[in-house]
Amino acid sequence: MSETISTEELARSLYMGRSYLSTKFHSETGIKLNDFILQQKMEEAKRLLRYTDRSAAAVGEYLAFSSPAHFTRVFKKHVGLTPNEYREKSNA
């Protein structure tokens, strides 16, 4: 989770084309591969925010987001709260 995960690299490591992997993953799971990767990163982000004292910026950096602002935008889109709001609510 702490590295950038691209469908290109994933497909290459599995000896298949990116398009084939994406299509096959979607047909088997009903979810797009990129969405799945983001879901997994968001679950890890929630865990880190709940059980560590790492700052939201540090969590975003650990999960290989390009900037704290990008991490916050993606987190809010998927979770419905900013990382700091999530931490406050989950620790209440």
N, C-alpha and C. Protein backbone atom coordinates (compact mmCIF):
# COMPACT_ATOMS: atom_id res chain seq x y z
N MET A 1 0.81 -1.20 0.00
CA MET A 1 0.00 0.00 0.00
C MET A 1 0.85 1.27 0.00
N SER A 2 2.09 1.14 0.43
CA SER A 2 2.91 2.34 0.57
C SER A 2 3.64 2.73 -0.71
N GLU A 3 3.30 2.10 -1.80
CA GLU A 3 3.91 2.45 -3.08
C GLU A 3 2.82 2.81 -4.08
N THR A 4 3.22 3.55 -5.10
CA THR A 4 2.30 3.84 -6.19
C THR A 4 2.01 2.52 -6.90
N ILE A 5 0.75 2.23 -7.10
CA ILE A 5 0.35 0.99 -7.76
C ILE A 5 -0.30 1.38 -9.08
N SER A 6 0.36 1.03 -10.17
CA SER A 6 -0.23 1.34 -11.47
C SER A 6 -0.72 0.06 -12.12
N THR A 7 -1.77 0.19 -12.90
CA THR A 7 -2.28 -0.98 -13.60
C THR A 7 -1.26 -1.48 -14.61
N GLU A 8 -0.45 -0.58 -15.17
CA GLU A 8 0.61 -0.98 -16.11
C GLU A 8 1.60 -1.92 -15.44
N GLU A 9 2.11 -1.52 -14.28
CA GLU A 9 3.09 -2.34 -13.57
C GLU A 9 2.48 -3.65 -13.09
N LEU A 10 1.26 -3.59 -12.61
CA LEU A 10 0.57 -4.78 -12.15
C LEU A 10 0.38 -5.76 -13.30
N ALA A 11 -0.07 -5.26 -14.44
CA ALA A 11 -0.28 -6.11 -15.61
C ALA A 11 1.05 -6.72 -16.07
N ARG A 12 2.09 -5.91 -16.10
CA ARG A 12 3.40 -6.40 -16.52
C ARG A 12 3.88 -7.52 -15.60
N SER A 13 3.68 -7.36 -14.29
CA SER A 13 4.12 -8.39 -13.35
C SER A 13 3.32 -9.68 -13.49
N LEU A 14 2.13 -9.58 -14.06
CA LEU A 14 1.29 -10.76 -14.29
C LEU A 14 1.37 -11.27 -15.72
N TYR A 15 2.26 -10.65 -16.51
CA TYR A 15 2.47 -11.03 -17.91
C TYR A 15 1.20 -10.94 -18.74
N MET A 16 0.50 -9.84 -18.58
CA MET A 16 -0.68 -9.60 -19.41
C MET A 16 -0.76 -8.12 -19.75
N GLY A 17 -1.58 -7.80 -20.69
CA GLY A 17 -1.77 -6.41 -21.07
C GLY A 17 -2.63 -5.67 -20.06
N ARG A 18 -2.40 -4.37 -19.95
CA ARG A 18 -3.14 -3.55 -19.00
C ARG A 18 -4.64 -3.59 -19.28
N SER A 19 -4.99 -3.46 -20.55
CA SER A 19 -6.40 -3.45 -20.93
C SER A 19 -7.06 -4.78 -20.59
N TYR A 20 -6.38 -5.88 -20.90
CA TYR A 20 -6.93 -7.21 -20.61
C TYR A 20 -7.12 -7.38 -19.10
N LEU A 21 -6.10 -7.00 -18.31
CA LEU A 21 -6.19 -7.14 -16.86
C LEU A 21 -7.36 -6.32 -16.32
N SER A 22 -7.48 -5.09 -16.76
CA SER A 22 -8.56 -4.22 -16.28
C SER A 22 -9.92 -4.79 -16.62
N THR A 23 -10.07 -5.24 -17.86
CA THR A 23 -11.34 -5.81 -18.30
C THR A 23 -11.67 -7.09 -17.54
N LYS A 24 -10.68 -7.97 -17.40
CA LYS A 24 -10.88 -9.23 -16.70
C LYS A 24 -11.22 -9.00 -15.22
N PHE A 25 -10.50 -8.09 -14.58
CA PHE A 25 -10.75 -7.78 -13.18
C PHE A 25 -12.17 -7.26 -13.00
N HIS A 26 -12.58 -6.34 -13.87
CA HIS A 26 -13.93 -5.76 -13.78
C HIS A 26 -15.00 -6.82 -14.01
N SER A 27 -14.78 -7.69 -14.99
CA SER A 27 -15.80 -8.71 -15.28
C SER A 27 -15.90 -9.74 -14.15
N GLU A 28 -14.79 -10.02 -13.47
CA GLU A 28 -14.79 -11.01 -12.39
C GLU A 28 -15.31 -10.45 -11.06
N THR A 29 -15.05 -9.16 -10.82
CA THR A 29 -15.37 -8.59 -9.51
C THR A 29 -16.51 -7.59 -9.53
N GLY A 30 -16.78 -7.01 -10.71
CA GLY A 30 -17.80 -5.98 -10.80
C GLY A 30 -17.31 -4.60 -10.40
N ILE A 31 -16.02 -4.48 -10.15
CA ILE A 31 -15.44 -3.20 -9.77
C ILE A 31 -14.21 -2.94 -10.63
N LYS A 32 -13.99 -1.67 -10.95
CA LYS A 32 -12.82 -1.32 -11.75
C LYS A 32 -11.56 -1.49 -10.92
N LEU A 33 -10.48 -1.91 -11.56
CA LEU A 33 -9.23 -2.17 -10.86
C LEU A 33 -8.72 -0.93 -10.13
N ASN A 34 -8.75 0.22 -10.78
CA ASN A 34 -8.29 1.45 -10.12
C ASN A 34 -9.15 1.78 -8.91
N ASP A 35 -10.44 1.55 -9.00
CA ASP A 35 -11.33 1.79 -7.86
C ASP A 35 -11.01 0.85 -6.71
N PHE A 36 -10.71 -0.40 -7.04
CA PHE A 36 -10.35 -1.38 -6.02
C PHE A 36 -9.08 -0.97 -5.30
N ILE A 37 -8.08 -0.54 -6.05
CA ILE A 37 -6.81 -0.10 -5.45
C ILE A 37 -7.07 1.07 -4.51
N LEU A 38 -7.86 2.04 -4.96
CA LEU A 38 -8.18 3.19 -4.10
C LEU A 38 -8.96 2.77 -2.85
N GLN A 39 -9.89 1.83 -3.01
CA GLN A 39 -10.65 1.35 -1.85
C GLN A 39 -9.71 0.75 -0.81
N GLN A 40 -8.74 -0.04 -1.28
CA GLN A 40 -7.80 -0.66 -0.36
C GLN A 40 -6.94 0.39 0.34
N LYS A 41 -6.51 1.39 -0.42
CA LYS A 41 -5.73 2.47 0.18
C LYS A 41 -6.57 3.25 1.19
N MET A 42 -7.82 3.46 0.92
CA MET A 42 -8.69 4.18 1.85
C MET A 42 -8.91 3.37 3.13
N GLU A 43 -9.03 2.06 3.01
CA GLU A 43 -9.17 1.22 4.20
C GLU A 43 -7.91 1.29 5.05
N GLU A 44 -6.75 1.28 4.41
CA GLU A 44 -5.50 1.40 5.15
C GLU A 44 -5.38 2.79 5.77
N ALA A 45 -5.79 3.82 5.05
CA ALA A 45 -5.76 5.18 5.58
C ALA A 45 -6.64 5.28 6.81
N LYS A 46 -7.83 4.71 6.76
CA LYS A 46 -8.74 4.75 7.91
C LYS A 46 -8.11 4.04 9.11
N ARG A 47 -7.48 2.91 8.85
CA ARG A 47 -6.83 2.17 9.94
C ARG A 47 -5.71 3.00 10.56
N LEU A 48 -4.88 3.61 9.71
CA LEU A 48 -3.76 4.41 10.21
C LEU A 48 -4.25 5.64 10.97
N LEU A 49 -5.31 6.26 10.49
CA LEU A 49 -5.84 7.43 11.18
C LEU A 49 -6.46 7.05 12.53
N ARG A 50 -7.06 5.89 12.58
CA ARG A 50 -7.72 5.44 13.81
C ARG A 50 -6.73 4.96 14.87
N TYR A 51 -5.68 4.24 14.44
CA TYR A 51 -4.82 3.54 15.40
C TYR A 51 -3.39 4.06 15.52
N THR A 52 -3.05 5.12 14.80
CA THR A 52 -1.71 5.70 14.95
C THR A 52 -1.85 7.20 15.19
N ASP A 53 -0.75 7.80 15.53
CA ASP A 53 -0.78 9.26 15.71
C ASP A 53 -0.14 9.98 14.53
N ARG A 54 0.04 9.28 13.41
CA ARG A 54 0.56 9.92 12.20
C ARG A 54 -0.38 11.02 11.76
N SER A 55 0.19 12.10 11.28
CA SER A 55 -0.65 13.18 10.76
C SER A 55 -1.32 12.71 9.46
N ALA A 56 -2.38 13.40 9.08
CA ALA A 56 -3.05 13.08 7.82
C ALA A 56 -2.08 13.21 6.65
N ALA A 57 -1.23 14.23 6.68
CA ALA A 57 -0.24 14.41 5.61
C ALA A 57 0.73 13.24 5.57
N ALA A 58 1.14 12.74 6.74
CA ALA A 58 2.06 11.60 6.79
C ALA A 58 1.39 10.33 6.27
N VAL A 59 0.12 10.15 6.58
CA VAL A 59 -0.63 8.99 6.08
C VAL A 59 -0.72 9.06 4.56
N GLY A 60 -1.06 10.23 4.03
CA GLY A 60 -1.14 10.40 2.58
C GLY A 60 0.20 10.14 1.91
N GLU A 61 1.26 10.62 2.51
CA GLU A 61 2.60 10.40 1.95
C GLU A 61 2.95 8.91 1.99
N TYR A 62 2.67 8.25 3.11
CA TYR A 62 2.93 6.82 3.25
C TYR A 62 2.19 6.01 2.18
N LEU A 63 0.98 6.43 1.87
CA LEU A 63 0.16 5.71 0.89
C LEU A 63 0.42 6.16 -0.55
N ALA A 64 1.48 6.96 -0.74
CA ALA A 64 1.98 7.35 -2.06
C ALA A 64 1.04 8.29 -2.82
N PHE A 65 0.33 9.14 -2.10
CA PHE A 65 -0.45 10.17 -2.77
C PHE A 65 0.49 11.31 -3.13
N SER A 66 0.19 12.01 -4.20
CA SER A 66 1.11 13.02 -4.73
C SER A 66 1.24 14.25 -3.84
N SER A 67 0.23 14.53 -3.02
CA SER A 67 0.27 15.68 -2.12
C SER A 67 -0.76 15.48 -1.02
N PRO A 68 -0.60 16.21 0.09
CA PRO A 68 -1.62 16.13 1.15
C PRO A 68 -3.01 16.55 0.65
N ALA A 69 -3.05 17.55 -0.22
CA ALA A 69 -4.35 18.01 -0.75
C ALA A 69 -5.01 16.92 -1.58
N HIS A 70 -4.23 16.22 -2.39
CA HIS A 70 -4.78 15.13 -3.21
C HIS A 70 -5.31 14.02 -2.31
N PHE A 71 -4.55 13.66 -1.28
CA PHE A 71 -5.00 12.63 -0.34
C PHE A 71 -6.31 13.04 0.32
N THR A 72 -6.39 14.28 0.78
CA THR A 72 -7.61 14.77 1.43
C THR A 72 -8.80 14.73 0.49
N ARG A 73 -8.60 15.15 -0.77
CA ARG A 73 -9.70 15.13 -1.76
C ARG A 73 -10.20 13.70 -1.99
N VAL A 74 -9.27 12.78 -2.21
CA VAL A 74 -9.65 11.38 -2.48
C VAL A 74 -10.31 10.77 -1.25
N PHE A 75 -9.75 11.02 -0.09
CA PHE A 75 -10.31 10.47 1.15
C PHE A 75 -11.73 10.97 1.36
N LYS A 76 -11.93 12.27 1.20
CA LYS A 76 -13.27 12.84 1.39
C LYS A 76 -14.26 12.28 0.37
N LYS A 77 -13.82 12.09 -0.85
CA LYS A 77 -14.70 11.54 -1.89
C LYS A 77 -15.13 10.12 -1.54
N HIS A 78 -14.23 9.32 -1.00
CA HIS A 78 -14.53 7.91 -0.71
C HIS A 78 -15.15 7.68 0.66
N VAL A 79 -14.78 8.50 1.63
CA VAL A 79 -15.23 8.27 3.00
C VAL A 79 -16.33 9.24 3.42
N GLY A 80 -16.38 10.41 2.79
CA GLY A 80 -17.40 11.39 3.13
C GLY A 80 -16.97 12.38 4.19
N LEU A 81 -15.76 12.22 4.71
CA LEU A 81 -15.20 13.11 5.71
C LEU A 81 -13.75 13.39 5.34
N THR A 82 -13.21 14.50 5.82
CA THR A 82 -11.78 14.71 5.63
C THR A 82 -11.04 13.75 6.57
N PRO A 83 -9.75 13.52 6.33
CA PRO A 83 -9.01 12.64 7.24
C PRO A 83 -9.08 13.10 8.70
N ASN A 84 -8.94 14.39 8.95
CA ASN A 84 -9.00 14.88 10.33
C ASN A 84 -10.39 14.72 10.93
N GLU A 85 -11.43 14.95 10.15
CA GLU A 85 -12.80 14.73 10.64
C GLU A 85 -13.00 13.25 10.96
N TYR A 86 -12.49 12.37 10.10
CA TYR A 86 -12.62 10.94 10.34
C TYR A 86 -11.93 10.54 11.65
N ARG A 87 -10.71 11.05 11.85
CA ARG A 87 -9.96 10.72 13.06
C ARG A 87 -10.73 11.18 14.29
N GLU A 88 -11.23 12.41 14.27
CA GLU A 88 -11.97 12.93 15.41
C GLU A 88 -13.21 12.10 15.69
N LYS A 89 -13.94 11.75 14.64
CA LYS A 89 -15.18 10.98 14.81
C LYS A 89 -14.89 9.56 15.29
N SER A 90 -13.84 8.93 14.76
CA SER A 90 -13.56 7.55 15.13
C SER A 90 -12.94 7.43 16.51
N ASN A 91 -12.35 8.50 17.01
CA ASN A 91 -11.74 8.48 18.35
C ASN A 91 -12.64 9.07 19.42
N ALA A 92 -13.86 9.44 19.03
CA ALA A 92 -14.78 10.06 20.00
C ALA A 92 -15.39 9.02 20.91
